[in-house]
Amino acid sequence: MSVTVRQFKADFPEFEATADNVVQSRLSMASRQVNSVVWGEKADDGIKLLAAHMLAMAPRGEQARLKAENRNTIYGEQYETLVHQVAFGYRVI
């Protein structure tokens, strides 16, 4: 399933004022980086978190940055947690 701008903004209302085409661009970028075969049912979560992280790190996303001291975001941290879950599970046979 692909993530829509509407779904994204419902889950991340802090980006409601962000133009739909900008959100769609970041969703497209994120979907190219999250392999749905590897990520399985967590793929949409990964796409949304990565897109939110990219939006927050953009120059106009300063308001959404929650971890300014290390130039990371809460979205990026949650995404990394998912990456570890997916990668660890993928290697287990």
Protein backbone atom coordinates (compact mmCIF):
# COMPACT_ATOMS: atom_id res chain seq x y z
CA MET A 1 0.00 0.00 0.00
CA SER A 2 1.34 3.43 -0.80
CA VAL A 3 1.04 6.27 1.67
CA THR A 4 -1.11 9.21 0.57
CA VAL A 5 -0.67 12.84 1.54
CA ARG A 6 -4.02 12.67 3.31
CA GLN A 7 -2.94 9.68 5.43
CA PHE A 8 0.37 11.35 6.20
CA LYS A 9 -1.24 14.59 7.35
CA ALA A 10 -3.77 12.67 9.46
CA ASP A 11 -0.90 10.95 11.29
CA PHE A 12 1.31 14.05 11.42
CA PRO A 13 -1.03 17.05 11.75
CA GLU A 14 1.94 19.30 12.50
CA PHE A 15 2.56 19.24 8.73
CA GLU A 16 -1.00 20.24 7.80
CA ALA A 17 0.14 23.67 6.57
CA THR A 18 2.85 22.12 4.38
CA ALA A 19 1.94 22.17 0.70
CA ASP A 20 0.64 18.83 -0.58
CA ASN A 21 3.16 18.75 -3.43
CA VAL A 22 6.04 19.13 -0.96
CA VAL A 23 4.68 16.33 1.23
CA GLN A 24 4.13 14.13 -1.84
CA SER A 25 7.70 14.76 -2.95
CA ARG A 26 9.10 13.61 0.39
CA LEU A 27 6.75 10.61 0.50
CA SER A 28 8.02 9.62 -2.95
CA MET A 29 11.64 10.01 -1.86
CA ALA A 30 11.01 7.97 1.29
CA SER A 31 9.16 5.21 -0.58
CA ARG A 32 12.20 4.72 -2.82
CA GLN A 33 14.34 4.15 0.28
CA VAL A 34 12.01 1.74 2.10
CA ASN A 35 11.88 -1.65 0.38
CA SER A 36 8.40 -3.05 1.01
CA VAL A 37 9.63 -6.63 0.51
CA VAL A 38 12.15 -6.24 3.34
CA TRP A 39 10.03 -3.97 5.55
CA GLY A 40 6.80 -5.96 5.18
CA GLU A 41 3.88 -4.57 7.20
CA LYS A 42 6.12 -1.84 8.67
CA ALA A 43 6.85 -0.27 5.26
CA ASP A 44 4.18 2.43 5.46
CA ASP A 45 5.32 3.37 8.96
CA GLY A 46 8.89 3.69 7.74
CA ILE A 47 7.86 5.78 4.74
CA LYS A 48 5.82 8.18 6.89
CA LEU A 49 8.53 8.58 9.53
CA LEU A 50 11.29 9.09 6.99
CA ALA A 51 9.19 11.65 5.08
CA ALA A 52 8.39 13.49 8.34
CA HIS A 53 12.09 13.52 9.20
CA MET A 54 12.99 14.93 5.78
CA LEU A 55 10.31 17.62 6.06
CA ALA A 56 11.45 18.58 9.54
CA MET A 57 15.08 18.83 8.42
CA ALA A 58 14.23 21.10 5.48
CA PRO A 59 14.88 24.82 5.96
CA ARG A 60 11.17 25.51 6.49
CA GLY A 61 10.84 22.60 8.89
CA GLU A 62 12.69 24.21 11.76
CA GLN A 63 9.46 24.52 13.75
CA ALA A 64 9.01 20.74 13.67
CA ARG A 65 12.56 19.88 14.76
CA LEU A 66 12.40 18.47 18.22
CA LYS A 67 16.08 17.73 18.71
CA ALA A 68 17.79 20.88 17.44
CA GLU A 69 20.95 20.32 19.47
CA ASN A 70 22.02 17.34 17.39
CA ARG A 71 20.16 18.17 14.15
CA ASN A 72 17.99 15.11 14.51
CA THR A 73 14.26 14.78 14.88
CA ILE A 74 12.01 12.52 16.89
CA TYR A 75 10.81 11.18 13.52
CA GLY A 76 14.37 10.26 12.55
CA GLU A 77 14.92 8.51 15.86
CA GLN A 78 11.69 6.54 15.49
CA TYR A 79 12.65 5.66 11.91
CA GLU A 80 16.05 4.38 13.07
CA THR A 81 14.30 2.22 15.68
CA LEU A 82 12.21 0.67 12.90
CA VAL A 83 15.32 0.18 10.75
CA HIS A 84 16.93 -1.82 13.56
CA GLN A 85 13.78 -3.90 14.05
CA VAL A 86 13.49 -4.64 10.35
CA ALA A 87 17.20 -5.31 9.82
CA PHE A 88 17.53 -7.54 12.87
CA GLY A 89 14.42 -9.52 11.98
CA TYR A 90 15.57 -9.85 8.37
CA ARG A 91 18.81 -11.52 9.40
CA VAL A 92 17.22 -14.01 11.76
CA ILE A 93 16.59 -17.39 10.16
